[in-house]
C-alpha atoms as a PDB file:
ATOM      1  CA  MET A   1     -29.530 307.103  31.323  1.00  0.00           C
ATOM      2  CA  LYS A   2     -30.822 308.696  34.523  1.00  0.00           C
ATOM      3  CA  LYS A   3     -33.287 311.573  34.144  1.00  0.00           C
ATOM      4  CA  ALA A   4     -33.372 314.859  36.012  1.00  0.00           C
ATOM      5  CA  ILE A   5     -35.679 317.840  35.978  1.00  0.00           C
ATOM      6  CA  ILE A   6     -34.940 321.273  37.351  1.00  0.00           C
ATOM      7  CA  LEU A   7     -37.935 323.337  38.412  1.00  0.00           C
ATOM      8  CA  TYR A   8     -37.310 326.909  39.437  1.00  0.00           C
ATOM      9  CA  CYS A   9     -38.826 330.283  40.193  1.00  0.00           C
ATOM     10  CA  SER A  10     -36.837 333.409  39.386  1.00  0.00           C
ATOM     11  CA  PHE A  11     -38.048 336.984  39.429  1.00  0.00           C
ATOM     12  CA  THR A  12     -34.721 338.793  39.047  1.00  0.00           C
ATOM     13  CA  GLY A  13     -32.617 336.167  37.275  1.00  0.00           C
ATOM     14  CA  ASN A  14     -30.523 334.920  40.200  1.00  0.00           C
ATOM     15  CA  THR A  15     -32.306 331.597  40.674  1.00  0.00           C
ATOM     16  CA  LYS A  16     -32.465 331.095  36.896  1.00  0.00           C
ATOM     17  CA  LYS A  17     -28.660 331.440  36.684  1.00  0.00           C
ATOM     18  CA  VAL A  18     -28.259 328.780  39.358  1.00  0.00           C
ATOM     19  CA  ALA A  19     -30.815 326.488  37.684  1.00  0.00           C
ATOM     20  CA  LYS A  20     -28.948 326.758  34.387  1.00  0.00           C
ATOM     21  CA  ALA A  21     -25.618 326.023  36.108  1.00  0.00           C
ATOM     22  CA  ILE A  22     -27.168 322.895  37.657  1.00  0.00           C
ATOM     23  CA  GLU A  23     -28.516 321.904  34.247  1.00  0.00           C
ATOM     24  CA  VAL A  24     -25.063 322.173  32.673  1.00  0.00           C
ATOM     25  CA  GLY A  25     -23.451 320.203  35.483  1.00  0.00           C
ATOM     26  CA  LEU A  26     -26.011 317.397  35.509  1.00  0.00           C
ATOM     27  CA  THR A  27     -25.755 317.074  31.740  1.00  0.00           C
ATOM     28  CA  LYS A  28     -21.947 316.944  31.899  1.00  0.00           C
ATOM     29  CA  GLY A  29     -22.338 314.282  34.571  1.00  0.00           C
ATOM     30  CA  GLY A  30     -24.310 312.104  32.176  1.00  0.00           C
ATOM     31  CA  MET A  31     -27.923 312.799  33.087  1.00  0.00           C
ATOM     32  CA  GLN A  32     -30.716 313.524  30.641  1.00  0.00           C
ATOM     33  CA  THR A  33     -31.778 316.902  31.975  1.00  0.00           C
ATOM     34  CA  SER A  34     -34.822 319.134  31.517  1.00  0.00           C
ATOM     35  CA  ILE A  35     -35.362 322.580  32.991  1.00  0.00           C
ATOM     36  CA  MET A  36     -38.524 324.637  33.402  1.00  0.00           C
ATOM     37  CA  LYS A  37     -40.179 327.304  35.461  1.00  0.00           C
ATOM     38  CA  PHE A  38     -42.694 326.165  38.069  1.00  0.00           C
ATOM     39  CA  GLN A  39     -45.558 327.837  36.222  1.00  0.00           C
ATOM     40  CA  ASP A  40     -44.869 325.664  33.163  1.00  0.00           C
ATOM     41  CA  ALA A  41     -44.528 322.408  35.110  1.00  0.00           C
ATOM     42  CA  GLU A  42     -48.077 321.583  36.151  1.00  0.00           C
ATOM     43  CA  GLN A  43     -48.136 318.333  34.152  1.00  0.00           C
ATOM     44  CA  ILE A  44     -44.754 317.117  35.428  1.00  0.00           C
ATOM     45  CA  ASP A  45     -44.804 313.895  37.428  1.00  0.00           C
ATOM     46  CA  TYR A  46     -41.916 313.860  39.891  1.00  0.00           C
ATOM     47  CA  PHE A  47     -41.882 310.071  39.748  1.00  0.00           C
ATOM     48  CA  ASP A  48     -40.846 310.147  36.071  1.00  0.00           C
ATOM     49  CA  TYR A  49     -37.415 311.408  37.168  1.00  0.00           C
ATOM     50  CA  ASP A  50     -34.508 309.987  39.124  1.00  0.00           C
ATOM     51  CA  LEU A  51     -33.668 313.470  40.409  1.00  0.00           C
ATOM     52  CA  VAL A  52     -35.984 316.436  40.885  1.00  0.00           C
ATOM     53  CA  CYS A  53     -34.233 319.740  41.564  1.00  0.00           C
ATOM     54  CA  VAL A  54     -36.341 322.577  42.939  1.00  0.00           C
ATOM     55  CA  GLY A  55     -35.129 326.131  43.306  1.00  0.00           C
ATOM     56  CA  SER A  56     -36.574 329.307  44.639  1.00  0.00           C
ATOM     57  CA  PRO A  57     -35.546 332.617  46.092  1.00  0.00           C
ATOM     58  CA  SER A  58     -36.143 333.077  49.792  1.00  0.00           C
ATOM     59  CA  TYR A  59     -38.784 335.722  50.497  1.00  0.00           C
ATOM     60  CA  ASN A  60     -39.504 336.491  54.125  1.00  0.00           C
ATOM     61  CA  TRP A  61     -38.101 333.117  55.245  1.00  0.00           C
ATOM     62  CA  SER A  62     -40.197 331.146  52.811  1.00  0.00           C
ATOM     63  CA  VAL A  63     -40.903 330.480  49.163  1.00  0.00           C
ATOM     64  CA  PRO A  64     -42.782 333.016  47.022  1.00  0.00           C
ATOM     65  CA  GLN A  65     -46.527 332.416  46.745  1.00  0.00           C
ATOM     66  CA  PRO A  66     -46.457 330.865  43.224  1.00  0.00           C
ATOM     67  CA  VAL A  67     -43.928 328.254  44.385  1.00  0.00           C
ATOM     68  CA  ASN A  68     -45.920 327.532  47.520  1.00  0.00           C
ATOM     69  CA  GLU A  69     -49.100 327.035  45.502  1.00  0.00           C
ATOM     70  CA  PHE A  70     -47.313 324.712  43.056  1.00  0.00           C
ATOM     71  CA  LEU A  71     -45.737 322.573  45.786  1.00  0.00           C
ATOM     72  CA  LYS A  72     -48.975 322.307  47.763  1.00  0.00           C
ATOM     73  CA  LYS A  73     -51.006 321.406  44.676  1.00  0.00           C
ATOM     74  CA  LYS A  74     -48.547 318.636  43.743  1.00  0.00           C
ATOM     75  CA  PHE A  75     -48.485 317.389  47.326  1.00  0.00           C
ATOM     76  CA  THR A  76     -52.278 317.307  47.512  1.00  0.00           C
ATOM     77  CA  TYR A  77     -52.373 315.343  44.267  1.00  0.00           C
ATOM     78  CA  TYR A  78     -49.812 312.798  45.476  1.00  0.00           C
ATOM     79  CA  LYS A  79     -51.655 312.461  48.781  1.00  0.00           C
ATOM     80  CA  ARG A  80     -54.943 311.864  46.963  1.00  0.00           C
ATOM     81  CA  ILE A  81     -53.456 309.051  44.852  1.00  0.00           C
ATOM     82  CA  GLY A  82     -51.792 307.369  47.839  1.00  0.00           C
ATOM     83  CA  LYS A  83     -48.153 308.419  47.372  1.00  0.00           C
ATOM     84  CA  VAL A  84     -47.988 310.070  50.808  1.00  0.00           C
ATOM     85  CA  LYS A  85     -47.731 307.233  53.331  1.00  0.00           C
ATOM     86  CA  PRO A  86     -47.067 306.945  57.047  1.00  0.00           C
ATOM     87  CA  SER A  87     -43.316 306.971  57.790  1.00  0.00           C
ATOM     88  CA  SER A  88     -42.604 308.177  54.230  1.00  0.00           C
ATOM     89  CA  PRO A  89     -41.039 304.973  52.880  1.00  0.00           C
ATOM     90  CA  ARG A  90     -38.227 305.574  50.392  1.00  0.00           C
ATOM     91  CA  VAL A  91     -39.138 305.150  46.714  1.00  0.00           C
ATOM     92  CA  GLY A  92     -35.686 305.199  45.119  1.00  0.00           C
ATOM     93  CA  LYS A  93     -36.033 308.757  43.843  1.00  0.00           C
ATOM     94  CA  ASN A  94     -34.023 311.848  44.771  1.00  0.00           C
ATOM     95  CA  ALA A  95     -34.433 315.567  45.201  1.00  0.00           C
ATOM     96  CA  LEU A  96     -32.053 318.511  45.365  1.00  0.00           C
ATOM     97  CA  VAL A  97     -33.229 321.798  46.831  1.00  0.00           C
ATOM     98  CA  PHE A  98     -31.545 325.102  45.985  1.00  0.00           C
ATOM     99  CA  CYS A  99     -32.322 328.521  47.327  1.00  0.00           C
ATOM    100  CA  THR A 100     -31.012 331.942  46.398  1.00  0.00           C
ATOM    101  CA  TYR A 101     -30.950 334.527  49.122  1.00  0.00           C
ATOM    102  CA  SER A 102     -29.645 337.975  49.874  1.00  0.00           C
ATOM    103  CA  GLY A 103     -30.133 337.993  53.605  1.00  0.00           C
ATOM    104  CA  PRO A 104     -29.998 341.748  54.118  1.00  0.00           C
ATOM    105  CA  HIS A 105     -30.835 341.229  57.774  1.00  0.00           C
ATOM    106  CA  THR A 106     -29.595 337.877  59.078  1.00  0.00           C
ATOM    107  CA  GLY A 107     -27.916 336.197  56.116  1.00  0.00           C
ATOM    108  CA  ILE A 108     -28.315 332.512  55.408  1.00  0.00           C
ATOM    109  CA  ASP A 109     -30.599 332.106  58.432  1.00  0.00           C
ATOM    110  CA  GLU A 110     -33.272 333.781  56.309  1.00  0.00           C
ATOM    111  CA  ALA A 111     -32.877 331.115  53.609  1.00  0.00           C
ATOM    112  CA  ILE A 112     -32.600 327.918  55.626  1.00  0.00           C
ATOM    113  CA  PRO A 113     -36.346 327.749  56.422  1.00  0.00           C
ATOM    114  CA  THR A 114     -37.059 328.038  52.681  1.00  0.00           C
ATOM    115  CA  GLY A 115     -34.824 325.092  51.827  1.00  0.00           C
ATOM    116  CA  LEU A 116     -36.188 322.978  54.657  1.00  0.00           C
ATOM    117  CA  TYR A 117     -39.754 323.765  53.628  1.00  0.00           C
ATOM    118  CA  MET A 118     -39.233 322.782  49.989  1.00  0.00           C
ATOM    119  CA  GLY A 119     -37.426 319.612  51.002  1.00  0.00           C
ATOM    120  CA  GLN A 120     -40.328 318.404  53.115  1.00  0.00           C
ATOM    121  CA  PHE A 121     -42.616 318.117  50.109  1.00  0.00           C
ATOM    122  CA  PHE A 122     -40.220 315.530  48.674  1.00  0.00           C
ATOM    123  CA  ASP A 123     -39.355 313.741  51.899  1.00  0.00           C
ATOM    124  CA  HIS A 124     -43.056 313.112  52.504  1.00  0.00           C
ATOM    125  CA  ILE A 125     -43.455 311.316  49.158  1.00  0.00           C
ATOM    126  CA  GLY A 126     -40.429 309.125  49.819  1.00  0.00           C
ATOM    127  CA  PHE A 127     -37.740 310.978  47.879  1.00  0.00           C
ATOM    128  CA  ASP A 128     -34.285 311.225  49.403  1.00  0.00           C
ATOM    129  CA  VAL A 129     -33.423 314.911  49.706  1.00  0.00           C
ATOM    130  CA  LEU A 130     -29.744 314.662  48.834  1.00  0.00           C
ATOM    131  CA  ASP A 131     -28.791 318.206  49.702  1.00  0.00           C
ATOM    132  CA  LYS A 132     -29.926 321.785  50.099  1.00  0.00           C
ATOM    133  CA  TRP A 133     -27.793 324.400  48.358  1.00  0.00           C
ATOM    134  CA  TYR A 134     -27.963 328.011  49.502  1.00  0.00           C
ATOM    135  CA  ILE A 135     -26.539 330.592  47.120  1.00  0.00           C
ATOM    136  CA  LEU A 136     -25.860 334.153  48.232  1.00  0.00           C
ATOM    137  CA  SER A 137     -27.155 336.504  45.538  1.00  0.00           C
ATOM    138  CA  GLU A 138     -27.475 340.184  44.855  1.00  0.00           C
ATOM    139  CA  PHE A 139     -30.659 341.855  46.069  1.00  0.00           C
ATOM    140  CA  ILE A 140     -31.431 343.122  42.560  1.00  0.00           C
ATOM    141  CA  THR A 141     -34.134 345.629  43.470  1.00  0.00           C
ATOM    142  CA  SER A 142     -32.368 347.346  46.367  1.00  0.00           C
ATOM    143  CA  LEU A 143     -28.923 348.895  46.439  1.00  0.00           C
ATOM    144  CA  GLU A 144     -29.275 349.347  50.197  1.00  0.00           C
ATOM    145  CA  ASN A 145     -30.015 345.651  50.759  1.00  0.00           C
ATOM    146  CA  SER A 146     -27.164 344.694  48.415  1.00  0.00           C
ATOM    147  CA  THR A 147     -24.571 346.813  50.199  1.00  0.00           C
ATOM    148  CA  LEU A 148     -25.553 347.452  53.819  1.00  0.00           C
ATOM    149  CA  GLY A 149     -26.831 344.070  54.996  1.00  0.00           C
ATOM    150  CA  ARG A 150     -25.069 341.613  57.257  1.00  0.00           C
ATOM    151  CA  MET A 151     -23.523 339.929  54.207  1.00  0.00           C
ATOM    152  CA  GLY A 152     -21.749 343.117  53.116  1.00  0.00           C
ATOM    153  CA  ASP A 153     -21.543 344.175  49.486  1.00  0.00           C
ATOM    154  CA  ILE A 154     -23.174 341.349  47.532  1.00  0.00           C
ATOM    155  CA  ARG A 155     -23.575 343.125  44.213  1.00  0.00           C
ATOM    156  CA  GLY A 156     -22.827 340.861  41.253  1.00  0.00           C
ATOM    157  CA  LEU A 157     -23.504 337.622  43.133  1.00  0.00           C
ATOM    158  CA  PRO A 158     -23.597 334.836  42.226  1.00  0.00           C
ATOM    159  CA  THR A 159     -20.316 335.267  40.366  1.00  0.00           C
ATOM    160  CA  GLU A 160     -19.253 333.245  37.324  1.00  0.00           C
ATOM    161  CA  GLU A 161     -16.815 331.443  39.613  1.00  0.00           C
ATOM    162  CA  LYS A 162     -19.639 330.457  41.964  1.00  0.00           C
ATOM    163  CA  LEU A 163     -21.782 329.293  39.039  1.00  0.00           C
ATOM    164  CA  LYS A 164     -18.900 327.117  37.804  1.00  0.00           C
ATOM    165  CA  GLU A 165     -18.605 325.645  41.307  1.00  0.00           C
ATOM    166  CA  ILE A 166     -22.329 324.842  41.202  1.00  0.00           C
ATOM    167  CA  GLN A 167     -21.882 323.212  37.779  1.00  0.00           C
ATOM    168  CA  GLU A 168     -19.068 321.063  39.146  1.00  0.00           C
ATOM    169  CA  ASN A 169     -21.069 320.049  42.221  1.00  0.00           C
ATOM    170  CA  ALA A 170     -24.011 319.117  39.981  1.00  0.00           C
ATOM    171  CA  ARG A 171     -21.709 317.108  37.698  1.00  0.00           C
ATOM    172  CA  LYS A 172     -20.362 315.163  40.692  1.00  0.00           C
ATOM    173  CA  LEU A 173     -23.892 314.581  41.953  1.00  0.00           C
ATOM    174  CA  ALA A 174     -24.975 313.182  38.582  1.00  0.00           C
ATOM    175  CA  GLN A 175     -21.968 310.866  38.463  1.00  0.00           C
ATOM    176  CA  ARG A 176     -22.662 309.680  42.007  1.00  0.00           C
ATOM    177  CA  LEU A 177     -26.257 308.868  41.083  1.00  0.00           C
ATOM    178  CA  ALA A 178     -25.117 307.024  37.940  1.00  0.00           C
ATOM    179  CA  GLY A 179     -22.653 304.960  39.987  1.00  0.00           C
END
């Protein structure tokens, strides 16, 4: 059975909801799945998994500081032990990046740099970054940013319907990897 781990950072619950939806979908798709917050994942070895899913909210076009520190520390470790090589040869492992965003100013364009940034940590160690999922979410701490931004009224996002869609996409991904 293929193994997956979902690592996430969530301050308001949005990214946690998405992580849990991915967990359900991957499990339904036949993967042995674990889920944990970044701060609890220091001992995790990415190479123990067939699929590593990483999720974070987008803050100012990037990941929050705790996520950045985690990713850099792991990268430095893998570089030190020789896993970062010129031309980043593929190692038969996969990554999925997911990013929650509110985009009160410019929408998804605020989140794309976050997803690209997280993906690079995996591409450099030879993982295939299968996809980057961007999930519009309520700006929990600001009514103004949840109602007056470019994305319109985003209160209550992600919806149960959207979370079920994420579960289904994760299930299909797991089945594709098992194939």
